[in-house]
Amino acid sequence: MTENTRSLLLAAVATVTLAVAGCGGADEPATTADGGGGSYPAEDVCAFLEGQIPALKAIGGPVGRHANLAGGLATFFASHGKPENGAVLDAAVTAQCPSVRTEVLTLIDVESFSSF
C-alpha cells in the first residue's frame, strides 16, 4: 500500500467515524434513521446510496470507493442529521433496501455499515 493510498484510507475512516459516531446501538431494523440532527425516512438513505452506485462502480478499487462514499455520506448526514451509529444506519437500510445495501457494501469491501 502506497503512502498516498494509506493517507486516503485514513482520511476516509476518520470521515466516516465522525459521520456515524455515537453511543448506544439498535438491535432491530428501523424504517427511519434517527440521528442527532433529526430523523428521516430510511428511503432517503436508500435513494442516496442507490444514486452513488454508478459513481462507485466507476472508481477503480475499494479504497477509492470507500473514500468517495465516506465523503458523500458526510455531506448527506450534514443536511439530514446523522444516525446514532453505523448499526442504526445498517439496520435502516437492511430493512428498507437490502439489495442496495448489499451492492454498496460489496463495492466498498466491508460487511456492514457498522464496520464502515
PDB file of N, CA and C in Angstrom:
ATOM      1  N   MET A   1       0.850  -1.160   0.000  1.00  0.00           N
ATOM      2  CA  MET A   1       0.000   0.000   0.000  1.00  0.00           C
ATOM      3  C   MET A   1       0.902   1.231   0.000  1.00  0.00           C
ATOM      4  N   THR A   2       0.663   2.128  -0.924  1.00  0.00           N
ATOM      5  CA  THR A   2       1.479   3.330  -1.011  1.00  0.00           C
ATOM      6  C   THR A   2       1.105   4.293   0.103  1.00  0.00           C
ATOM      7  N   GLU A   3       1.965   5.239   0.368  1.00  0.00           N
ATOM      8  CA  GLU A   3       1.716   6.239   1.412  1.00  0.00           C
ATOM      9  C   GLU A   3       0.481   7.064   1.067  1.00  0.00           C
ATOM     10  N   ASN A   4       0.295   7.391  -0.211  1.00  0.00           N
ATOM     11  CA  ASN A   4      -0.860   8.164  -0.641  1.00  0.00           C
ATOM     12  C   ASN A   4      -2.150   7.386  -0.415  1.00  0.00           C
ATOM     13  N   THR A   5      -2.146   6.096  -0.740  1.00  0.00           N
ATOM     14  CA  THR A   5      -3.319   5.254  -0.533  1.00  0.00           C
ATOM     15  C   THR A   5      -3.624   5.138   0.952  1.00  0.00           C
ATOM     16  N   ARG A   6      -2.588   4.944   1.742  1.00  0.00           N
ATOM     17  CA  ARG A   6      -2.756   4.822   3.194  1.00  0.00           C
ATOM     18  C   ARG A   6      -3.349   6.110   3.756  1.00  0.00           C
ATOM     19  N   SER A   7      -2.865   7.257   3.316  1.00  0.00           N
ATOM     20  CA  SER A   7      -3.384   8.544   3.785  1.00  0.00           C
ATOM     21  C   SER A   7      -4.840   8.717   3.386  1.00  0.00           C
ATOM     22  N   LEU A   8      -5.172   8.326   2.166  1.00  0.00           N
ATOM     23  CA  LEU A   8      -6.545   8.420   1.685  1.00  0.00           C
ATOM     24  C   LEU A   8      -7.459   7.533   2.510  1.00  0.00           C
ATOM     25  N   LEU A   9      -7.019   6.315   2.795  1.00  0.00           N
ATOM     26  CA  LEU A   9      -7.816   5.396   3.597  1.00  0.00           C
ATOM     27  C   LEU A   9      -8.006   5.934   5.006  1.00  0.00           C
ATOM     28  N   LEU A  10      -6.961   6.453   5.608  1.00  0.00           N
ATOM     29  CA  LEU A  10      -7.081   7.023   6.957  1.00  0.00           C
ATOM     30  C   LEU A  10      -8.037   8.207   6.972  1.00  0.00           C
ATOM     31  N   ALA A  11      -7.978   9.042   5.952  1.00  0.00           N
ATOM     32  CA  ALA A  11      -8.894  10.178   5.865  1.00  0.00           C
ATOM     33  C   ALA A  11     -10.334   9.700   5.726  1.00  0.00           C
ATOM     34  N   ALA A  12     -10.542   8.654   4.934  1.00  0.00           N
ATOM     35  CA  ALA A  12     -11.889   8.110   4.750  1.00  0.00           C
ATOM     36  C   ALA A  12     -12.416   7.536   6.051  1.00  0.00           C
ATOM     37  N   VAL A  13     -11.584   6.787   6.744  1.00  0.00           N
ATOM     38  CA  VAL A  13     -12.002   6.194   8.018  1.00  0.00           C
ATOM     39  C   VAL A  13     -12.331   7.288   9.029  1.00  0.00           C
ATOM     40  N   ALA A  14     -11.518   8.330   9.084  1.00  0.00           N
ATOM     41  CA  ALA A  14     -11.775   9.425  10.004  1.00  0.00           C
ATOM     42  C   ALA A  14     -13.085  10.131   9.670  1.00  0.00           C
ATOM     43  N   THR A  15     -13.342  10.345   8.391  1.00  0.00           N
ATOM     44  CA  THR A  15     -14.579  10.998   7.972  1.00  0.00           C
ATOM     45  C   THR A  15     -15.792  10.172   8.358  1.00  0.00           C
ATOM     46  N   VAL A  16     -15.720   8.883   8.098  1.00  0.00           N
ATOM     47  CA  VAL A  16     -16.845   8.012   8.414  1.00  0.00           C
ATOM     48  C   VAL A  16     -17.037   7.924   9.918  1.00  0.00           C
ATOM     49  N   THR A  17     -15.949   7.823  10.648  1.00  0.00           N
ATOM     50  CA  THR A  17     -16.053   7.745  12.099  1.00  0.00           C
ATOM     51  C   THR A  17     -16.754   8.969  12.648  1.00  0.00           C
ATOM     52  N   LEU A  18     -16.396  10.130  12.157  1.00  0.00           N
ATOM     53  CA  LEU A  18     -17.055  11.355  12.598  1.00  0.00           C
ATOM     54  C   LEU A  18     -18.508  11.399  12.153  1.00  0.00           C
ATOM     55  N   ALA A  19     -18.782  10.881  10.972  1.00  0.00           N
ATOM     56  CA  ALA A  19     -20.141  10.941  10.431  1.00  0.00           C
ATOM     57  C   ALA A  19     -21.096  10.022  11.165  1.00  0.00           C
ATOM     58  N   VAL A  20     -20.623   8.866  11.613  1.00  0.00           N
ATOM     59  CA  VAL A  20     -21.531   7.903  12.223  1.00  0.00           C
ATOM     60  C   VAL A  20     -21.255   7.668  13.705  1.00  0.00           C
ATOM     61  N   ALA A  21     -20.378   8.481  14.287  1.00  0.00           N
ATOM     62  CA  ALA A  21     -20.060   8.293  15.702  1.00  0.00           C
ATOM     63  C   ALA A  21     -21.290   8.555  16.562  1.00  0.00           C
ATOM     64  N   GLY A  22     -21.398   7.828  17.609  1.00  0.00           N
ATOM     65  CA  GLY A  22     -22.486   7.994  18.558  1.00  0.00           C
ATOM     66  C   GLY A  22     -22.341   6.957  19.633  1.00  0.00           C
ATOM     67  N   CYS A  23     -23.307   6.904  20.507  1.00  0.00           N
ATOM     68  CA  CYS A  23     -23.267   5.874  21.540  1.00  0.00           C
ATOM     69  C   CYS A  23     -24.559   5.084  21.484  1.00  0.00           C
ATOM     70  N   GLY A  24     -24.541   3.898  22.036  1.00  0.00           N
ATOM     71  CA  GLY A  24     -25.705   3.034  22.018  1.00  0.00           C
ATOM     72  C   GLY A  24     -25.755   2.226  20.750  1.00  0.00           C
ATOM     73  N   GLY A  25     -26.848   1.534  20.559  1.00  0.00           N
ATOM     74  CA  GLY A  25     -26.976   0.688  19.385  1.00  0.00           C
ATOM     75  C   GLY A  25     -28.427   0.342  19.143  1.00  0.00           C
ATOM     76  N   ALA A  26     -28.668  -0.388  18.092  1.00  0.00           N
ATOM     77  CA  ALA A  26     -30.020  -0.817  17.755  1.00  0.00           C
ATOM     78  C   ALA A  26     -29.946  -2.261  17.311  1.00  0.00           C
ATOM     79  N   ASP A  27     -30.790  -3.082  17.900  1.00  0.00           N
ATOM     80  CA  ASP A  27     -30.790  -4.488  17.553  1.00  0.00           C
ATOM     81  C   ASP A  27     -31.878  -4.850  16.564  1.00  0.00           C
ATOM     82  N   GLU A  28     -32.841  -3.956  16.367  1.00  0.00           N
ATOM     83  CA  GLU A  28     -33.924  -4.284  15.450  1.00  0.00           C
ATOM     84  C   GLU A  28     -33.932  -3.332  14.267  1.00  0.00           C
ATOM     85  N   PRO A  29     -34.378  -3.798  13.108  1.00  0.00           N
ATOM     86  CA  PRO A  29     -34.413  -2.944  11.924  1.00  0.00           C
ATOM     87  C   PRO A  29     -35.297  -1.723  12.147  1.00  0.00           C
ATOM     88  N   ALA A  30     -34.924  -0.632  11.531  1.00  0.00           N
ATOM     89  CA  ALA A  30     -35.672   0.611  11.657  1.00  0.00           C
ATOM     90  C   ALA A  30     -36.142   1.064  10.285  1.00  0.00           C
ATOM     91  N   THR A  31     -37.304   1.708  10.258  1.00  0.00           N
ATOM     92  CA  THR A  31     -37.776   2.261   8.994  1.00  0.00           C
ATOM     93  C   THR A  31     -37.422   3.730   8.899  1.00  0.00           C
ATOM     94  N   THR A  32     -36.882   4.276   9.990  1.00  0.00           N
ATOM     95  CA  THR A  32     -36.330   5.622   9.940  1.00  0.00           C
ATOM     96  C   THR A  32     -34.917   5.547  10.471  1.00  0.00           C
ATOM     97  N   ALA A  33     -34.109   6.461  10.021  1.00  0.00           N
ATOM     98  CA  ALA A  33     -32.752   6.566  10.554  1.00  0.00           C
ATOM     99  C   ALA A  33     -32.775   7.739  11.515  1.00  0.00           C
ATOM    100  N   ASP A  34     -32.656   7.458  12.781  1.00  0.00           N
ATOM    101  CA  ASP A  34     -32.680   8.506  13.786  1.00  0.00           C
ATOM    102  C   ASP A  34     -31.282   9.041  13.971  1.00  0.00           C
ATOM    103  N   GLY A  35     -31.180  10.347  13.967  1.00  0.00           N
ATOM    104  CA  GLY A  35     -29.864  10.947  14.122  1.00  0.00           C
ATOM    105  C   GLY A  35     -29.888  12.072  15.113  1.00  0.00           C
ATOM    106  N   GLY A  36     -28.710  12.474  15.528  1.00  0.00           N
ATOM    107  CA  GLY A  36     -28.585  13.586  16.442  1.00  0.00           C
ATOM    108  C   GLY A  36     -29.164  14.861  15.846  1.00  0.00           C
ATOM    109  N   GLY A  37     -29.128  14.989  14.534  1.00  0.00           N
ATOM    110  CA  GLY A  37     -29.640  16.183  13.873  1.00  0.00           C
ATOM    111  C   GLY A  37     -31.052  16.009  13.368  1.00  0.00           C
ATOM    112  N   GLY A  38     -31.695  14.882  13.632  1.00  0.00           N
ATOM    113  CA  GLY A  38     -33.048  14.675  13.183  1.00  0.00           C
ATOM    114  C   GLY A  38     -33.291  13.251  12.761  1.00  0.00           C
ATOM    115  N   SER A  39     -34.493  13.001  12.307  1.00  0.00           N
ATOM    116  CA  SER A  39     -34.885  11.684  11.859  1.00  0.00           C
ATOM    117  C   SER A  39     -35.419  11.819  10.443  1.00  0.00           C
ATOM    118  N   TYR A  40     -35.095  10.854   9.589  1.00  0.00           N
ATOM    119  CA  TYR A  40     -35.539  10.921   8.212  1.00  0.00           C
ATOM    120  C   TYR A  40     -35.856   9.507   7.753  1.00  0.00           C
ATOM    121  N   PRO A  41     -36.723   9.367   6.759  1.00  0.00           N
ATOM    122  CA  PRO A  41     -37.079   8.029   6.280  1.00  0.00           C
ATOM    123  C   PRO A  41     -35.861   7.280   5.740  1.00  0.00           C
ATOM    124  N   ALA A  42     -35.798   5.995   6.032  1.00  0.00           N
ATOM    125  CA  ALA A  42     -34.714   5.167   5.510  1.00  0.00           C
ATOM    126  C   ALA A  42     -34.713   5.191   3.988  1.00  0.00           C
ATOM    127  N   GLU A  43     -35.873   5.446   3.384  1.00  0.00           N
ATOM    128  CA  GLU A  43     -35.919   5.503   1.922  1.00  0.00           C
ATOM    129  C   GLU A  43     -35.061   6.652   1.382  1.00  0.00           C
ATOM    130  N   ASP A  44     -34.866   7.723   2.168  1.00  0.00           N
ATOM    131  CA  ASP A  44     -33.974   8.804   1.747  1.00  0.00           C
ATOM    132  C   ASP A  44     -32.528   8.318   1.690  1.00  0.00           C
ATOM    133  N   VAL A  45     -32.130   7.555   2.703  1.00  0.00           N
ATOM    134  CA  VAL A  45     -30.769   6.998   2.728  1.00  0.00           C
ATOM    135  C   VAL A  45     -30.606   6.025   1.562  1.00  0.00           C
ATOM    136  N   CYS A  46     -31.618   5.199   1.357  1.00  0.00           N
ATOM    137  CA  CYS A  46     -31.554   4.217   0.272  1.00  0.00           C
ATOM    138  C   CYS A  46     -31.461   4.897  -1.090  1.00  0.00           C
ATOM    139  N   ALA A  47     -32.238   5.947  -1.280  1.00  0.00           N
ATOM    140  CA  ALA A  47     -32.186   6.672  -2.552  1.00  0.00           C
ATOM    141  C   ALA A  47     -30.798   7.283  -2.750  1.00  0.00           C
ATOM    142  N   PHE A  48     -30.224   7.829  -1.682  1.00  0.00           N
ATOM    143  CA  PHE A  48     -28.880   8.387  -1.774  1.00  0.00           C
ATOM    144  C   PHE A  48     -27.879   7.298  -2.139  1.00  0.00           C
ATOM    145  N   LEU A  49     -27.918   6.176  -1.419  1.00  0.00           N
ATOM    146  CA  LEU A  49     -26.969   5.090  -1.673  1.00  0.00           C
ATOM    147  C   LEU A  49     -27.122   4.527  -3.081  1.00  0.00           C
ATOM    148  N   GLU A  50     -28.356   4.354  -3.514  1.00  0.00           N
ATOM    149  CA  GLU A  50     -28.590   3.831  -4.866  1.00  0.00           C
ATOM    150  C   GLU A  50     -28.025   4.784  -5.916  1.00  0.00           C
ATOM    151  N   GLY A  51     -28.161   6.084  -5.659  1.00  0.00           N
ATOM    152  CA  GLY A  51     -27.622   7.072  -6.579  1.00  0.00           C
ATOM    153  C   GLY A  51     -26.098   7.080  -6.632  1.00  0.00           C
ATOM    154  N   GLN A  52     -25.456   6.566  -5.580  1.00  0.00           N
ATOM    155  CA  GLN A  52     -23.994   6.527  -5.527  1.00  0.00           C
ATOM    156  C   GLN A  52     -23.394   5.337  -6.276  1.00  0.00           C
ATOM    157  N   ILE A  53     -24.190   4.314  -6.532  1.00  0.00           N
ATOM    158  CA  ILE A  53     -23.670   3.075  -7.122  1.00  0.00           C
ATOM    159  C   ILE A  53     -22.947   3.305  -8.457  1.00  0.00           C
ATOM    160  N   PRO A  54     -23.494   4.061  -9.405  1.00  0.00           N
ATOM    161  CA  PRO A  54     -22.754   4.261 -10.663  1.00  0.00           C
ATOM    162  C   PRO A  54     -21.381   4.911 -10.453  1.00  0.00           C
ATOM    163  N   ALA A  55     -21.310   5.905  -9.582  1.00  0.00           N
ATOM    164  CA  ALA A  55     -20.024   6.567  -9.320  1.00  0.00           C
ATOM    165  C   ALA A  55     -19.055   5.603  -8.644  1.00  0.00           C
ATOM    166  N   LEU A  56     -19.556   4.793  -7.718  1.00  0.00           N
ATOM    167  CA  LEU A  56     -18.691   3.833  -7.034  1.00  0.00           C
ATOM    168  C   LEU A  56     -18.144   2.801  -8.014  1.00  0.00           C
ATOM    169  N   LYS A  57     -18.983   2.363  -8.941  1.00  0.00           N
ATOM    170  CA  LYS A  57     -18.540   1.382  -9.936  1.00  0.00           C
ATOM    171  C   LYS A  57     -17.461   1.954 -10.853  1.00  0.00           C
ATOM    172  N   ALA A  58     -17.495   3.260 -11.068  1.00  0.00           N
ATOM    173  CA  ALA A  58     -16.530   3.899 -11.956  1.00  0.00           C
ATOM    174  C   ALA A  58     -15.156   4.078 -11.308  1.00  0.00           C
ATOM    175  N   ILE A  59     -15.092   3.914  -9.997  1.00  0.00           N
ATOM    176  CA  ILE A  59     -13.825   4.074  -9.269  1.00  0.00           C
ATOM    177  C   ILE A  59     -13.122   2.726  -9.242  1.00  0.00           C
ATOM    178  N   GLY A  60     -11.828   2.737  -9.481  1.00  0.00           N
ATOM    179  CA  GLY A  60     -11.043   1.523  -9.687  1.00  0.00           C
ATOM    180  C   GLY A  60     -10.963   0.512  -8.575  1.00  0.00           C
ATOM    181  N   GLY A  61     -11.043   0.878  -7.330  1.00  0.00           N
ATOM    182  CA  GLY A  61     -10.850  -0.096  -6.270  1.00  0.00           C
ATOM    183  C   GLY A  61     -11.613   0.266  -5.012  1.00  0.00           C
ATOM    184  N   PRO A  62     -11.686  -0.668  -4.065  1.00  0.00           N
ATOM    185  CA  PRO A  62     -12.485  -0.456  -2.865  1.00  0.00           C
ATOM    186  C   PRO A  62     -11.999   0.702  -1.982  1.00  0.00           C
ATOM    187  N   VAL A  63     -10.698   0.980  -1.944  1.00  0.00           N
ATOM    188  CA  VAL A  63     -10.210   2.085  -1.114  1.00  0.00           C
ATOM    189  C   VAL A  63     -10.749   3.418  -1.631  1.00  0.00           C
ATOM    190  N   GLY A  64     -10.646   3.628  -2.924  1.00  0.00           N
ATOM    191  CA  GLY A  64     -11.182   4.850  -3.510  1.00  0.00           C
ATOM    192  C   GLY A  64     -12.691   4.937  -3.383  1.00  0.00           C
ATOM    193  N   ARG A  65     -13.366   3.806  -3.571  1.00  0.00           N
ATOM    194  CA  ARG A  65     -14.826   3.776  -3.415  1.00  0.00           C
ATOM    195  C   ARG A  65     -15.221   4.130  -1.982  1.00  0.00           C
ATOM    196  N   HIS A  66     -14.485   3.546  -1.039  1.00  0.00           N
ATOM    197  CA  HIS A  66     -14.734   3.787   0.377  1.00  0.00           C
ATOM    198  C   HIS A  66     -14.598   5.282   0.684  1.00  0.00           C
ATOM    199  N   ALA A  67     -13.521   5.886   0.217  1.00  0.00           N
ATOM    200  CA  ALA A  67     -13.282   7.308   0.448  1.00  0.00           C
ATOM    201  C   ALA A  67     -14.366   8.163  -0.199  1.00  0.00           C
ATOM    202  N   ASN A  68     -14.748   7.817  -1.423  1.00  0.00           N
ATOM    203  CA  ASN A  68     -15.783   8.563  -2.128  1.00  0.00           C
ATOM    204  C   ASN A  68     -17.107   8.488  -1.381  1.00  0.00           C
ATOM    205  N   LEU A  69     -17.482   7.284  -0.948  1.00  0.00           N
ATOM    206  CA  LEU A  69     -18.749   7.122  -0.233  1.00  0.00           C
ATOM    207  C   LEU A  69     -18.711   7.825   1.116  1.00  0.00           C
ATOM    208  N   ALA A  70     -17.564   7.788   1.789  1.00  0.00           N
ATOM    209  CA  ALA A  70     -17.439   8.462   3.080  1.00  0.00           C
ATOM    210  C   ALA A  70     -17.713   9.958   2.935  1.00  0.00           C
ATOM    211  N   GLY A  71     -17.135  10.555   1.916  1.00  0.00           N
ATOM    212  CA  GLY A  71     -17.374  11.975   1.679  1.00  0.00           C
ATOM    213  C   GLY A  71     -18.823  12.262   1.346  1.00  0.00           C
ATOM    214  N   GLY A  72     -19.414  11.411   0.514  1.00  0.00           N
ATOM    215  CA  GLY A  72     -20.819  11.590   0.148  1.00  0.00           C
ATOM    216  C   GLY A  72     -21.750  11.434   1.336  1.00  0.00           C
ATOM    217  N   LEU A  73     -21.486  10.435   2.161  1.00  0.00           N
ATOM    218  CA  LEU A  73     -22.322  10.232   3.347  1.00  0.00           C
ATOM    219  C   LEU A  73     -22.172  11.383   4.337  1.00  0.00           C
ATOM    220  N   ALA A  74     -20.973  11.897   4.491  1.00  0.00           N
ATOM    221  CA  ALA A  74     -20.765  13.030   5.387  1.00  0.00           C
ATOM    222  C   ALA A  74     -21.609  14.222   4.937  1.00  0.00           C
ATOM    223  N   THR A  75     -21.643  14.470   3.636  1.00  0.00           N
ATOM    224  CA  THR A  75     -22.462  15.551   3.093  1.00  0.00           C
ATOM    225  C   THR A  75     -23.943  15.269   3.301  1.00  0.00           C
ATOM    226  N   PHE A  76     -24.359  14.019   3.028  1.00  0.00           N
ATOM    227  CA  PHE A  76     -25.755  13.630   3.225  1.00  0.00           C
ATOM    228  C   PHE A  76     -26.161  13.830   4.681  1.00  0.00           C
ATOM    229  N   PHE A  77     -25.335  13.343   5.614  1.00  0.00           N
ATOM    230  CA  PHE A  77     -25.659  13.443   7.035  1.00  0.00           C
ATOM    231  C   PHE A  77     -25.664  14.895   7.509  1.00  0.00           C
ATOM    232  N   ALA A  78     -24.836  15.732   6.916  1.00  0.00           N
ATOM    233  CA  ALA A  78     -24.801  17.143   7.301  1.00  0.00           C
ATOM    234  C   ALA A  78     -26.137  17.819   7.033  1.00  0.00           C
ATOM    235  N   SER A  79     -26.826  17.393   5.990  1.00  0.00           N
ATOM    236  CA  SER A  79     -28.106  18.020   5.660  1.00  0.00           C
ATOM    237  C   SER A  79     -29.318  17.252   6.169  1.00  0.00           C
ATOM    238  N   HIS A  80     -29.128  15.996   6.576  1.00  0.00           N
ATOM    239  CA  HIS A  80     -30.258  15.186   7.025  1.00  0.00           C
ATOM    240  C   HIS A  80     -30.185  14.801   8.494  1.00  0.00           C
ATOM    241  N   GLY A  81     -29.089  15.057   9.158  1.00  0.00           N
ATOM    242  CA  GLY A  81     -28.868  14.566  10.515  1.00  0.00           C
ATOM    243  C   GLY A  81     -28.194  13.207  10.420  1.00  0.00           C
ATOM    244  N   LYS A  82     -27.308  12.930  11.358  1.00  0.00           N
ATOM    245  CA  LYS A  82     -26.560  11.678  11.281  1.00  0.00           C
ATOM    246  C   LYS A  82     -27.210  10.597  12.123  1.00  0.00           C
ATOM    247  N   PRO A  83     -27.055   9.350  11.728  1.00  0.00           N
ATOM    248  CA  PRO A  83     -27.588   8.258  12.549  1.00  0.00           C
ATOM    249  C   PRO A  83     -26.765   8.156  13.832  1.00  0.00           C
ATOM    250  N   GLU A  84     -27.354   7.536  14.823  1.00  0.00           N
ATOM    251  CA  GLU A  84     -26.684   7.398  16.109  1.00  0.00           C
ATOM    252  C   GLU A  84     -25.338   6.702  15.960  1.00  0.00           C
ATOM    253  N   ASN A  85     -25.289   5.691  15.100  1.00  0.00           N
ATOM    254  CA  ASN A  85     -24.039   4.970  14.829  1.00  0.00           C
ATOM    255  C   ASN A  85     -24.228   4.125  13.573  1.00  0.00           C
ATOM    256  N   GLY A  86     -23.188   3.413  13.199  1.00  0.00           N
ATOM    257  CA  GLY A  86     -23.250   2.596  11.989  1.00  0.00           C
ATOM    258  C   GLY A  86     -24.275   1.484  12.067  1.00  0.00           C
ATOM    259  N   ALA A  87     -24.512   0.954  13.270  1.00  0.00           N
ATOM    260  CA  ALA A  87     -25.502  -0.120  13.430  1.00  0.00           C
ATOM    261  C   ALA A  87     -26.913   0.377  13.115  1.00  0.00           C
ATOM    262  N   VAL A  88     -27.209   1.613  13.496  1.00  0.00           N
ATOM    263  CA  VAL A  88     -28.520   2.199  13.209  1.00  0.00           C
ATOM    264  C   VAL A  88     -28.702   2.367  11.704  1.00  0.00           C
ATOM    265  N   LEU A  89     -27.671   2.887  11.048  1.00  0.00           N
ATOM    266  CA  LEU A  89     -27.712   3.032   9.598  1.00  0.00           C
ATOM    267  C   LEU A  89     -27.877   1.669   8.932  1.00  0.00           C
ATOM    268  N   ASP A  90     -27.123   0.696   9.392  1.00  0.00           N
ATOM    269  CA  ASP A  90     -27.178  -0.642   8.815  1.00  0.00           C
ATOM    270  C   ASP A  90     -28.572  -1.259   8.972  1.00  0.00           C
ATOM    271  N   ALA A  91     -29.155  -1.111  10.153  1.00  0.00           N
ATOM    272  CA  ALA A  91     -30.499  -1.657  10.392  1.00  0.00           C
ATOM    273  C   ALA A  91     -31.538  -1.000   9.487  1.00  0.00           C
ATOM    274  N   ALA A  92     -31.424   0.315   9.319  1.00  0.00           N
ATOM    275  CA  ALA A  92     -32.391   1.039   8.495  1.00  0.00           C
ATOM    276  C   ALA A  92     -32.321   0.604   7.036  1.00  0.00           C
ATOM    277  N   VAL A  93     -31.117   0.517   6.480  1.00  0.00           N
ATOM    278  CA  VAL A  93     -31.015   0.150   5.072  1.00  0.00           C
ATOM    279  C   VAL A  93     -31.241  -1.350   4.853  1.00  0.00           C
ATOM    280  N   THR A  94     -30.957  -2.165   5.856  1.00  0.00           N
ATOM    281  CA  THR A  94     -31.267  -3.596   5.751  1.00  0.00           C
ATOM    282  C   THR A  94     -32.769  -3.794   5.637  1.00  0.00           C
ATOM    283  N   ALA A  95     -33.523  -3.034   6.414  1.00  0.00           N
ATOM    284  CA  ALA A  95     -34.979  -3.145   6.389  1.00  0.00           C
ATOM    285  C   ALA A  95     -35.590  -2.549   5.125  1.00  0.00           C
ATOM    286  N   GLN A  96     -35.047  -1.430   4.658  1.00  0.00           N
ATOM    287  CA  GLN A  96     -35.660  -0.692   3.551  1.00  0.00           C
ATOM    288  C   GLN A  96     -35.169  -1.105   2.165  1.00  0.00           C
ATOM    289  N   CYS A  97     -33.873  -1.353   2.029  1.00  0.00           N
ATOM    290  CA  CYS A  97     -33.324  -1.612   0.693  1.00  0.00           C
ATOM    291  C   CYS A  97     -32.153  -2.601   0.775  1.00  0.00           C
ATOM    292  N   PRO A  98     -32.434  -3.843   1.130  1.00  0.00           N
ATOM    293  CA  PRO A  98     -31.354  -4.810   1.333  1.00  0.00           C
ATOM    294  C   PRO A  98     -30.475  -5.030   0.102  1.00  0.00           C
ATOM    295  N   SER A  99     -31.039  -4.984  -1.081  1.00  0.00           N
ATOM    296  CA  SER A  99     -30.210  -5.220  -2.272  1.00  0.00           C
ATOM    297  C   SER A  99     -29.268  -4.045  -2.540  1.00  0.00           C
ATOM    298  N   VAL A 100     -29.727  -2.829  -2.296  1.00  0.00           N
ATOM    299  CA  VAL A 100     -28.861  -1.648  -2.449  1.00  0.00           C
ATOM    300  C   VAL A 100     -27.746  -1.718  -1.415  1.00  0.00           C
ATOM    301  N   ARG A 101     -28.101  -2.056  -0.179  1.00  0.00           N
ATOM    302  CA  ARG A 101     -27.108  -2.198   0.889  1.00  0.00           C
ATOM    303  C   ARG A 101     -26.032  -3.202   0.493  1.00  0.00           C
ATOM    304  N   THR A 102     -26.458  -4.362   0.029  1.00  0.00           N
ATOM    305  CA  THR A 102     -25.510  -5.415  -0.351  1.00  0.00           C
ATOM    306  C   THR A 102     -24.584  -4.944  -1.467  1.00  0.00           C
ATOM    307  N   GLU A 103     -25.142  -4.293  -2.472  1.00  0.00           N
ATOM    308  CA  GLU A 103     -24.316  -3.843  -3.589  1.00  0.00           C
ATOM    309  C   GLU A 103     -23.296  -2.792  -3.159  1.00  0.00           C
ATOM    310  N   VAL A 104     -23.727  -1.824  -2.351  1.00  0.00           N
ATOM    311  CA  VAL A 104     -22.815  -0.775  -1.898  1.00  0.00           C
ATOM    312  C   VAL A 104     -21.711  -1.374  -1.023  1.00  0.00           C
ATOM    313  N   LEU A 105     -22.091  -2.223  -0.081  1.00  0.00           N
ATOM    314  CA  LEU A 105     -21.088  -2.812   0.811  1.00  0.00           C
ATOM    315  C   LEU A 105     -20.113  -3.700   0.050  1.00  0.00           C
ATOM    316  N   THR A 106     -20.591  -4.400  -0.967  1.00  0.00           N
ATOM    317  CA  THR A 106     -19.708  -5.215  -1.806  1.00  0.00           C
ATOM    318  C   THR A 106     -18.712  -4.319  -2.540  1.00  0.00           C
ATOM    319  N   LEU A 107     -19.187  -3.205  -3.054  1.00  0.00           N
ATOM    320  CA  LEU A 107     -18.311  -2.283  -3.789  1.00  0.00           C
ATOM    321  C   LEU A 107     -17.219  -1.675  -2.909  1.00  0.00           C
ATOM    322  N   ILE A 108     -17.535  -1.446  -1.616  1.00  0.00           N
ATOM    323  CA  ILE A 108     -16.521  -0.853  -0.735  1.00  0.00           C
ATOM    324  C   ILE A 108     -15.809  -1.912   0.099  1.00  0.00           C
ATOM    325  N   ASP A 109     -16.171  -3.171  -0.107  1.00  0.00           N
ATOM    326  CA  ASP A 109     -15.483  -4.306   0.502  1.00  0.00           C
ATOM    327  C   ASP A 109     -15.543  -4.314   2.023  1.00  0.00           C
ATOM    328  N   VAL A 110     -16.747  -4.063   2.563  1.00  0.00           N
ATOM    329  CA  VAL A 110     -16.992  -4.213   4.002  1.00  0.00           C
ATOM    330  C   VAL A 110     -18.267  -5.023   4.188  1.00  0.00           C
ATOM    331  N   GLU A 111     -18.448  -5.582   5.383  1.00  0.00           N
ATOM    332  CA  GLU A 111     -19.604  -6.452   5.626  1.00  0.00           C
ATOM    333  C   GLU A 111     -20.840  -5.719   6.100  1.00  0.00           C
ATOM    334  N   SER A 112     -20.671  -4.582   6.749  1.00  0.00           N
ATOM    335  CA  SER A 112     -21.825  -3.825   7.221  1.00  0.00           C
ATOM    336  C   SER A 112     -21.428  -2.366   7.421  1.00  0.00           C
ATOM    337  N   PHE A 113     -22.411  -1.511   7.555  1.00  0.00           N
ATOM    338  CA  PHE A 113     -22.122  -0.105   7.830  1.00  0.00           C
ATOM    339  C   PHE A 113     -21.585   0.055   9.251  1.00  0.00           C
ATOM    340  N   SER A 114     -21.792  -0.938  10.100  1.00  0.00           N
ATOM    341  CA  SER A 114     -21.198  -0.905  11.434  1.00  0.00           C
ATOM    342  C   SER A 114     -19.681  -0.943  11.359  1.00  0.00           C
ATOM    343  N   SER A 115     -19.149  -1.619  10.355  1.00  0.00           N
ATOM    344  CA  SER A 115     -17.690  -1.700  10.210  1.00  0.00           C
ATOM    345  C   SER A 115     -17.153  -0.687   9.211  1.00  0.00           C
ATOM    346  N   PHE A 116     -18.031   0.095   8.608  1.00  0.00           N
ATOM    347  CA  PHE A 116     -17.641   1.108   7.631  1.00  0.00           C
ATOM    348  C   PHE A 116     -17.084   2.279   8.377  1.00  0.00           C
TER     349      PHE A 116
END
